[in-house]
Amino acid sequence: MTYNIRLDVEDDGFNQWDNRKKGLVSLIREENPDILGIQEGLPNQIKYLSKQLDEYSMIGEGRDGGNNGEYSAIYYKNKKLKLEKDETFWLSETPGKPSIGWDAALNRIATVGVFIVMKTNKKLVVYNSHFDHIGKVARENSVNVILNHIKGNNYLKNA
């Protein structure tokens, strides 16, 4: 499951985070995904979701590096999936550091998680990202950055 939770902005009026957060948690519990990718999560939203969804663990970092900026986080059920590796990289010409790519308005990231499905002992690789809303070239090139990352890491080798 993936969900753009929309960042927490004071001037959102009725759509403010405080008016949405309980409904979001209810929806996630109802759908009960083993894996959930979110977009636009700010640190306070990540903290809230992590506390409410205690059967999940979270991987990812903010697009401005570390705990700063919006996350494209991955939540996963830690009793069903074992995390083998995770990484966050930037959708730009310099994927290893916080950076804005091409004609993008903002830093954009992708989060990848490599999991072992405990029931089957099979490997599962999940990517989660949020492409730029302005830059057409950035959106096109972001796909290539992710594809190159997939090709360069061969996470399913020996799976």
N, C-alpha and C. Protein backbone atom coordinates (compact mmCIF):
# COMPACT_ATOMS: atom_id res chain seq x y z
N MET A 1 0.86 -1.17 0.00
CA MET A 1 0.00 0.00 0.00
C MET A 1 0.90 1.23 0.00
N THR A 2 0.49 2.24 -0.71
CA THR A 2 1.21 3.51 -0.70
C THR A 2 0.21 4.64 -0.47
N TYR A 3 0.68 5.70 0.19
CA TYR A 3 -0.23 6.77 0.57
C TYR A 3 0.54 8.07 0.68
N ASN A 4 0.12 9.09 -0.09
CA ASN A 4 0.67 10.43 0.08
C ASN A 4 -0.12 11.06 1.23
N ILE A 5 0.52 11.16 2.39
CA ILE A 5 -0.20 11.61 3.58
C ILE A 5 -0.34 13.13 3.63
N ARG A 6 0.21 13.85 2.73
CA ARG A 6 0.27 15.30 2.67
C ARG A 6 0.94 15.85 3.92
N LEU A 7 1.90 16.71 3.66
CA LEU A 7 2.64 17.29 4.76
C LEU A 7 1.73 18.06 5.71
N ASP A 8 2.24 18.36 6.87
CA ASP A 8 1.51 19.09 7.91
C ASP A 8 1.72 20.58 7.68
N VAL A 9 0.67 21.25 7.17
CA VAL A 9 0.73 22.67 6.87
C VAL A 9 -0.39 23.37 7.63
N GLU A 10 -0.04 24.40 8.39
CA GLU A 10 -1.04 25.10 9.21
C GLU A 10 -2.19 25.68 8.40
N ASP A 11 -1.91 26.21 7.22
CA ASP A 11 -2.97 26.89 6.46
C ASP A 11 -3.80 25.94 5.60
N ASP A 12 -3.81 24.66 5.93
CA ASP A 12 -4.63 23.68 5.20
C ASP A 12 -6.09 23.68 5.65
N GLY A 13 -6.41 24.52 6.63
CA GLY A 13 -7.80 24.61 7.09
C GLY A 13 -8.32 23.26 7.56
N PHE A 14 -9.46 22.86 7.02
CA PHE A 14 -10.10 21.61 7.41
C PHE A 14 -9.20 20.40 7.14
N ASN A 15 -8.34 20.51 6.13
CA ASN A 15 -7.47 19.39 5.76
C ASN A 15 -6.18 19.33 6.57
N GLN A 16 -6.10 20.12 7.63
CA GLN A 16 -4.92 20.13 8.49
C GLN A 16 -4.63 18.73 9.04
N TRP A 17 -3.36 18.44 9.27
CA TRP A 17 -2.92 17.13 9.74
C TRP A 17 -3.71 16.65 10.96
N ASP A 18 -3.93 17.52 11.92
CA ASP A 18 -4.67 17.11 13.12
C ASP A 18 -6.07 16.60 12.80
N ASN A 19 -6.64 17.05 11.71
CA ASN A 19 -7.97 16.58 11.30
C ASN A 19 -7.91 15.30 10.46
N ARG A 20 -6.72 14.93 10.01
CA ARG A 20 -6.58 13.76 9.11
C ARG A 20 -5.92 12.56 9.76
N LYS A 21 -5.12 12.78 10.78
CA LYS A 21 -4.23 11.73 11.26
C LYS A 21 -4.95 10.51 11.83
N LYS A 22 -6.01 10.70 12.57
CA LYS A 22 -6.72 9.54 13.14
C LYS A 22 -7.39 8.72 12.05
N GLY A 23 -7.96 9.40 11.05
CA GLY A 23 -8.57 8.70 9.92
C GLY A 23 -7.55 7.90 9.13
N LEU A 24 -6.36 8.46 8.99
CA LEU A 24 -5.29 7.75 8.27
C LEU A 24 -4.90 6.47 9.02
N VAL A 25 -4.72 6.58 10.32
CA VAL A 25 -4.36 5.39 11.11
C VAL A 25 -5.47 4.35 11.03
N SER A 26 -6.72 4.79 11.08
CA SER A 26 -7.86 3.85 10.96
C SER A 26 -7.84 3.15 9.61
N LEU A 27 -7.57 3.89 8.55
CA LEU A 27 -7.51 3.31 7.21
C LEU A 27 -6.38 2.27 7.11
N ILE A 28 -5.23 2.62 7.64
CA ILE A 28 -4.09 1.69 7.59
C ILE A 28 -4.43 0.42 8.38
N ARG A 29 -5.01 0.58 9.53
CA ARG A 29 -5.39 -0.61 10.33
C ARG A 29 -6.44 -1.45 9.61
N GLU A 30 -7.38 -0.79 8.94
CA GLU A 30 -8.42 -1.52 8.21
C GLU A 30 -7.84 -2.29 7.03
N GLU A 31 -6.95 -1.65 6.28
CA GLU A 31 -6.34 -2.30 5.11
C GLU A 31 -5.29 -3.32 5.53
N ASN A 32 -4.63 -3.06 6.65
CA ASN A 32 -3.69 -4.00 7.25
C ASN A 32 -2.56 -4.45 6.32
N PRO A 33 -1.88 -3.51 5.64
CA PRO A 33 -0.82 -3.93 4.73
C PRO A 33 0.41 -4.43 5.48
N ASP A 34 1.12 -5.35 4.87
CA ASP A 34 2.40 -5.78 5.44
C ASP A 34 3.46 -4.71 5.22
N ILE A 35 3.30 -3.96 4.11
CA ILE A 35 4.24 -2.88 3.78
C ILE A 35 3.43 -1.65 3.38
N LEU A 36 3.88 -0.50 3.87
CA LEU A 36 3.22 0.77 3.57
C LEU A 36 4.29 1.78 3.18
N GLY A 37 4.17 2.35 2.00
CA GLY A 37 5.04 3.45 1.60
C GLY A 37 4.27 4.75 1.77
N ILE A 38 4.88 5.73 2.40
CA ILE A 38 4.22 7.03 2.52
C ILE A 38 5.08 8.09 1.83
N GLN A 39 4.41 9.16 1.41
CA GLN A 39 5.10 10.30 0.83
C GLN A 39 4.67 11.55 1.60
N GLU A 40 5.57 12.54 1.62
CA GLU A 40 5.37 13.85 2.24
C GLU A 40 5.29 13.84 3.76
N GLY A 41 5.77 12.79 4.39
CA GLY A 41 5.73 12.74 5.85
C GLY A 41 6.80 13.61 6.48
N LEU A 42 6.39 14.59 7.24
CA LEU A 42 7.34 15.41 8.00
C LEU A 42 7.70 14.70 9.31
N PRO A 43 8.80 15.10 9.97
CA PRO A 43 9.23 14.40 11.18
C PRO A 43 8.13 14.22 12.24
N ASN A 44 7.30 15.24 12.47
CA ASN A 44 6.24 15.09 13.47
C ASN A 44 5.19 14.06 13.02
N GLN A 45 4.95 13.95 11.73
CA GLN A 45 4.00 12.97 11.22
C GLN A 45 4.58 11.55 11.31
N ILE A 46 5.86 11.44 11.00
CA ILE A 46 6.56 10.15 11.12
C ILE A 46 6.51 9.68 12.57
N LYS A 47 6.79 10.59 13.49
CA LYS A 47 6.77 10.25 14.91
C LYS A 47 5.38 9.78 15.33
N TYR A 48 4.35 10.48 14.91
CA TYR A 48 2.97 10.11 15.26
C TYR A 48 2.62 8.73 14.69
N LEU A 49 2.89 8.53 13.41
CA LEU A 49 2.55 7.24 12.79
C LEU A 49 3.33 6.10 13.43
N SER A 50 4.59 6.32 13.71
CA SER A 50 5.41 5.27 14.32
C SER A 50 4.88 4.89 15.70
N LYS A 51 4.38 5.87 16.44
CA LYS A 51 3.82 5.59 17.76
C LYS A 51 2.48 4.85 17.65
N GLN A 52 1.65 5.26 16.71
CA GLN A 52 0.33 4.66 16.54
C GLN A 52 0.38 3.27 15.93
N LEU A 53 1.34 3.06 15.05
CA LEU A 53 1.44 1.79 14.31
C LEU A 53 2.58 0.95 14.89
N ASP A 54 2.42 0.55 16.14
CA ASP A 54 3.53 -0.10 16.83
C ASP A 54 3.85 -1.50 16.32
N GLU A 55 3.00 -2.07 15.48
CA GLU A 55 3.31 -3.37 14.88
C GLU A 55 4.20 -3.21 13.64
N TYR A 56 4.50 -1.96 13.29
CA TYR A 56 5.35 -1.65 12.14
C TYR A 56 6.67 -1.05 12.60
N SER A 57 7.70 -1.30 11.82
CA SER A 57 8.96 -0.57 11.94
C SER A 57 9.05 0.34 10.72
N MET A 58 9.88 1.37 10.79
CA MET A 58 9.98 2.35 9.71
C MET A 58 11.42 2.49 9.26
N ILE A 59 11.60 2.63 7.95
CA ILE A 59 12.91 2.95 7.39
C ILE A 59 12.77 4.19 6.52
N GLY A 60 13.86 4.93 6.40
CA GLY A 60 13.88 6.12 5.57
C GLY A 60 14.49 7.28 6.31
N GLU A 61 14.73 8.34 5.57
CA GLU A 61 15.21 9.58 6.16
C GLU A 61 14.61 10.74 5.40
N GLY A 62 14.72 11.92 5.97
CA GLY A 62 14.17 13.11 5.34
C GLY A 62 14.94 13.49 4.09
N ARG A 63 14.25 14.15 3.18
CA ARG A 63 14.87 14.49 1.90
C ARG A 63 15.96 15.55 2.02
N ASP A 64 16.01 16.23 3.18
CA ASP A 64 17.08 17.20 3.40
C ASP A 64 18.24 16.59 4.19
N GLY A 65 18.19 15.27 4.38
CA GLY A 65 19.24 14.54 5.08
C GLY A 65 18.86 14.28 6.53
N GLY A 66 19.15 13.09 7.01
CA GLY A 66 18.85 12.73 8.40
C GLY A 66 17.36 12.80 8.69
N ASN A 67 17.02 13.53 9.75
CA ASN A 67 15.62 13.69 10.15
C ASN A 67 14.98 14.94 9.57
N ASN A 68 15.60 15.56 8.61
CA ASN A 68 15.13 16.85 8.10
C ASN A 68 14.36 16.72 6.79
N GLY A 69 13.23 17.40 6.73
CA GLY A 69 12.44 17.44 5.51
C GLY A 69 11.47 16.27 5.40
N GLU A 70 10.79 16.23 4.26
CA GLU A 70 9.79 15.20 4.01
C GLU A 70 10.43 13.83 3.81
N TYR A 71 9.74 12.82 4.26
CA TYR A 71 10.17 11.43 4.10
C TYR A 71 9.37 10.76 2.99
N SER A 72 10.00 9.81 2.34
CA SER A 72 9.33 8.80 1.52
C SER A 72 9.61 7.48 2.24
N ALA A 73 9.00 7.35 3.40
CA ALA A 73 9.31 6.25 4.32
C ALA A 73 8.61 4.96 3.92
N ILE A 74 9.17 3.87 4.41
CA ILE A 74 8.55 2.55 4.26
C ILE A 74 8.31 2.00 5.66
N TYR A 75 7.06 1.67 5.94
CA TYR A 75 6.68 0.98 7.17
C TYR A 75 6.48 -0.49 6.83
N TYR A 76 6.92 -1.37 7.71
CA TYR A 76 6.76 -2.80 7.45
C TYR A 76 6.45 -3.54 8.75
N LYS A 77 5.67 -4.60 8.61
CA LYS A 77 5.31 -5.41 9.78
C LYS A 77 6.53 -6.23 10.20
N ASN A 78 7.06 -5.88 11.36
CA ASN A 78 8.32 -6.49 11.80
C ASN A 78 8.16 -7.93 12.31
N LYS A 79 6.95 -8.43 12.41
CA LYS A 79 6.76 -9.84 12.78
C LYS A 79 6.61 -10.72 11.55
N LYS A 80 6.49 -10.09 10.37
CA LYS A 80 6.37 -10.84 9.12
C LYS A 80 7.58 -10.67 8.21
N LEU A 81 8.25 -9.53 8.35
CA LEU A 81 9.36 -9.19 7.47
C LEU A 81 10.59 -8.84 8.29
N LYS A 82 11.71 -9.38 7.89
CA LYS A 82 12.98 -9.07 8.54
C LYS A 82 13.77 -8.14 7.61
N LEU A 83 14.16 -7.00 8.12
CA LEU A 83 14.93 -6.04 7.32
C LEU A 83 16.35 -6.53 7.16
N GLU A 84 16.79 -6.64 5.91
CA GLU A 84 18.16 -7.03 5.61
C GLU A 84 19.03 -5.81 5.31
N LYS A 85 18.44 -4.83 4.62
CA LYS A 85 19.20 -3.63 4.24
C LYS A 85 18.22 -2.53 3.90
N ASP A 86 18.61 -1.29 4.18
CA ASP A 86 17.81 -0.15 3.73
C ASP A 86 18.73 0.99 3.33
N GLU A 87 18.19 1.85 2.50
CA GLU A 87 18.98 2.97 1.98
C GLU A 87 18.03 4.05 1.50
N THR A 88 18.46 5.29 1.65
CA THR A 88 17.77 6.43 1.04
C THR A 88 18.77 7.09 0.10
N PHE A 89 18.31 7.42 -1.10
CA PHE A 89 19.18 8.12 -2.05
C PHE A 89 18.37 9.21 -2.75
N TRP A 90 19.10 10.16 -3.33
CA TRP A 90 18.47 11.34 -3.91
C TRP A 90 18.28 11.15 -5.40
N LEU A 91 17.17 11.66 -5.88
CA LEU A 91 16.84 11.58 -7.30
C LEU A 91 17.43 12.80 -7.99
N SER A 92 18.73 12.69 -8.26
CA SER A 92 19.50 13.81 -8.82
C SER A 92 20.76 13.25 -9.47
N GLU A 93 21.59 14.17 -9.95
CA GLU A 93 22.87 13.78 -10.52
C GLU A 93 23.84 13.29 -9.45
N THR A 94 23.56 13.61 -8.19
CA THR A 94 24.41 13.18 -7.06
C THR A 94 23.55 12.43 -6.04
N PRO A 95 23.20 11.18 -6.33
CA PRO A 95 22.26 10.44 -5.48
C PRO A 95 22.75 10.15 -4.06
N GLY A 96 24.04 10.31 -3.80
CA GLY A 96 24.57 9.99 -2.48
C GLY A 96 24.48 11.11 -1.46
N LYS A 97 23.96 12.27 -1.86
CA LYS A 97 23.87 13.38 -0.90
C LYS A 97 22.63 14.23 -1.21
N PRO A 98 22.12 14.93 -0.20
CA PRO A 98 20.94 15.78 -0.43
C PRO A 98 21.19 16.74 -1.57
N SER A 99 20.30 16.70 -2.57
CA SER A 99 20.50 17.51 -3.76
C SER A 99 19.22 17.60 -4.58
N ILE A 100 19.13 18.70 -5.32
CA ILE A 100 18.00 18.93 -6.23
C ILE A 100 18.46 18.52 -7.62
N GLY A 101 17.66 17.73 -8.30
CA GLY A 101 18.02 17.24 -9.63
C GLY A 101 17.35 18.01 -10.75
N TRP A 102 18.13 18.30 -11.80
CA TRP A 102 17.64 18.84 -13.06
C TRP A 102 16.74 20.05 -12.86
N ASP A 103 15.50 19.99 -13.31
CA ASP A 103 14.59 21.13 -13.20
C ASP A 103 13.62 21.00 -12.03
N ALA A 104 13.96 20.17 -11.05
CA ALA A 104 13.08 19.95 -9.89
C ALA A 104 12.99 21.20 -9.03
N ALA A 105 11.88 21.33 -8.34
CA ALA A 105 11.70 22.44 -7.41
C ALA A 105 12.33 22.15 -6.05
N LEU A 106 12.42 20.86 -5.72
CA LEU A 106 12.84 20.45 -4.38
C LEU A 106 13.71 19.21 -4.42
N ASN A 107 14.43 18.94 -3.32
CA ASN A 107 15.11 17.65 -3.18
C ASN A 107 14.07 16.55 -3.28
N ARG A 108 14.40 15.46 -3.95
CA ARG A 108 13.52 14.29 -4.02
C ARG A 108 14.34 13.06 -3.70
N ILE A 109 13.70 12.09 -3.04
CA ILE A 109 14.41 10.90 -2.58
C ILE A 109 13.66 9.63 -2.96
N ALA A 110 14.39 8.55 -2.85
CA ALA A 110 13.80 7.21 -2.91
C ALA A 110 14.34 6.45 -1.71
N THR A 111 13.48 5.65 -1.13
CA THR A 111 13.87 4.76 -0.03
C THR A 111 13.72 3.34 -0.53
N VAL A 112 14.71 2.52 -0.23
CA VAL A 112 14.65 1.10 -0.62
C VAL A 112 14.83 0.24 0.63
N GLY A 113 14.03 -0.80 0.69
CA GLY A 113 14.17 -1.78 1.76
C GLY A 113 14.31 -3.17 1.17
N VAL A 114 15.26 -3.92 1.67
CA VAL A 114 15.43 -5.32 1.26
C VAL A 114 15.01 -6.15 2.47
N PHE A 115 14.02 -6.99 2.26
CA PHE A 115 13.41 -7.75 3.35
C PHE A 115 13.49 -9.25 3.09
N ILE A 116 13.44 -10.00 4.16
CA ILE A 116 13.24 -11.45 4.09
C ILE A 116 11.83 -11.70 4.62
N VAL A 117 11.00 -12.36 3.80
CA VAL A 117 9.66 -12.73 4.23
C VAL A 117 9.83 -13.94 5.15
N MET A 118 9.53 -13.78 6.41
CA MET A 118 9.83 -14.82 7.41
C MET A 118 9.13 -16.15 7.11
N LYS A 119 7.92 -16.08 6.61
CA LYS A 119 7.14 -17.30 6.37
C LYS A 119 7.74 -18.17 5.26
N THR A 120 8.34 -17.52 4.25
CA THR A 120 8.85 -18.26 3.09
C THR A 120 10.37 -18.22 2.96
N ASN A 121 11.01 -17.33 3.72
CA ASN A 121 12.44 -17.10 3.63
C ASN A 121 12.86 -16.54 2.26
N LYS A 122 11.92 -15.94 1.54
CA LYS A 122 12.21 -15.31 0.24
C LYS A 122 12.53 -13.84 0.45
N LYS A 123 13.31 -13.31 -0.49
CA LYS A 123 13.70 -11.91 -0.45
C LYS A 123 12.64 -11.05 -1.15
N LEU A 124 12.41 -9.87 -0.61
CA LEU A 124 11.48 -8.90 -1.17
C LEU A 124 12.17 -7.54 -1.17
N VAL A 125 12.16 -6.87 -2.32
CA VAL A 125 12.77 -5.55 -2.43
C VAL A 125 11.67 -4.54 -2.71
N VAL A 126 11.64 -3.45 -1.93
CA VAL A 126 10.61 -2.43 -2.06
C VAL A 126 11.27 -1.07 -2.22
N TYR A 127 10.84 -0.33 -3.24
CA TYR A 127 11.27 1.06 -3.45
C TYR A 127 10.06 1.96 -3.22
N ASN A 128 10.29 3.10 -2.61
CA ASN A 128 9.25 4.10 -2.41
C ASN A 128 9.84 5.47 -2.72
N SER A 129 9.12 6.26 -3.50
CA SER A 129 9.63 7.59 -3.85
C SER A 129 8.47 8.55 -4.07
N HIS A 130 8.83 9.81 -4.24
CA HIS A 130 7.86 10.87 -4.52
C HIS A 130 8.52 11.81 -5.52
N PHE A 131 8.09 11.74 -6.77
CA PHE A 131 8.72 12.53 -7.82
C PHE A 131 8.31 14.00 -7.72
N ASP A 132 9.12 14.85 -8.33
CA ASP A 132 8.89 16.28 -8.29
C ASP A 132 7.59 16.66 -9.00
N HIS A 133 6.92 17.65 -8.45
CA HIS A 133 5.64 18.11 -9.00
C HIS A 133 5.81 19.17 -10.09
N ILE A 134 6.99 19.73 -10.23
CA ILE A 134 7.25 20.80 -11.21
C ILE A 134 8.07 20.29 -12.39
N GLY A 135 9.19 19.66 -12.11
CA GLY A 135 10.17 19.34 -13.14
C GLY A 135 9.87 18.10 -13.96
N LYS A 136 9.51 18.32 -15.22
CA LYS A 136 9.25 17.19 -16.13
C LYS A 136 10.54 16.39 -16.37
N VAL A 137 11.63 17.09 -16.63
CA VAL A 137 12.92 16.42 -16.85
C VAL A 137 13.33 15.66 -15.58
N ALA A 138 13.10 16.27 -14.43
CA ALA A 138 13.44 15.61 -13.16
C ALA A 138 12.63 14.33 -12.98
N ARG A 139 11.36 14.36 -13.33
CA ARG A 139 10.54 13.14 -13.20
C ARG A 139 11.06 12.04 -14.11
N GLU A 140 11.37 12.41 -15.36
CA GLU A 140 11.88 11.41 -16.31
C GLU A 140 13.23 10.85 -15.85
N ASN A 141 14.12 11.72 -15.41
CA ASN A 141 15.44 11.27 -14.98
C ASN A 141 15.40 10.52 -13.64
N SER A 142 14.42 10.84 -12.81
CA SER A 142 14.28 10.13 -11.53
C SER A 142 14.02 8.65 -11.76
N VAL A 143 13.24 8.34 -12.77
CA VAL A 143 12.99 6.94 -13.12
C VAL A 143 14.32 6.25 -13.44
N ASN A 144 15.16 6.93 -14.21
CA ASN A 144 16.46 6.34 -14.59
C ASN A 144 17.39 6.17 -13.39
N VAL A 145 17.36 7.12 -12.45
CA VAL A 145 18.18 6.98 -11.24
C VAL A 145 17.76 5.73 -10.48
N ILE A 146 16.46 5.52 -10.35
CA ILE A 146 15.97 4.33 -9.64
C ILE A 146 16.31 3.06 -10.41
N LEU A 147 16.11 3.07 -11.72
CA LEU A 147 16.46 1.89 -12.53
C LEU A 147 17.95 1.57 -12.43
N ASN A 148 18.79 2.59 -12.48
CA ASN A 148 20.23 2.37 -12.33
C ASN A 148 20.57 1.82 -10.94
N HIS A 149 19.85 2.28 -9.94
CA HIS A 149 20.07 1.77 -8.58
C HIS A 149 19.70 0.29 -8.51
N ILE A 150 18.58 -0.06 -9.11
CA ILE A 150 18.15 -1.46 -9.14
C ILE A 150 19.20 -2.32 -9.84
N LYS A 151 19.64 -1.88 -11.02
CA LYS A 151 20.63 -2.64 -11.79
C LYS A 151 21.96 -2.74 -11.05
N GLY A 152 22.36 -1.67 -10.39
CA GLY A 152 23.65 -1.63 -9.72
C GLY A 152 23.72 -2.41 -8.42
N ASN A 153 22.58 -2.76 -7.86
CA ASN A 153 22.59 -3.43 -6.55
C ASN A 153 22.22 -4.90 -6.58
N ASN A 154 21.51 -5.33 -7.58
CA ASN A 154 21.18 -6.75 -7.75
C ASN A 154 20.82 -7.42 -6.43
N TYR A 155 19.86 -6.83 -5.74
CA TYR A 155 19.46 -7.32 -4.42
C TYR A 155 18.91 -8.74 -4.43
N LEU A 156 18.41 -9.20 -5.56
CA LEU A 156 17.81 -10.53 -5.62
C LEU A 156 18.79 -11.62 -6.01
N LYS A 157 20.05 -11.27 -6.18
CA LYS A 157 21.06 -12.28 -6.50
C LYS A 157 21.09 -13.31 -5.36
N ASN A 158 21.16 -14.55 -5.73
CA ASN A 158 21.16 -15.66 -4.77
C ASN A 158 19.87 -15.75 -3.95
N ALA A 159 18.79 -15.18 -4.49
CA ALA A 159 17.51 -15.24 -3.76
C ALA A 159 16.78 -16.54 -4.05
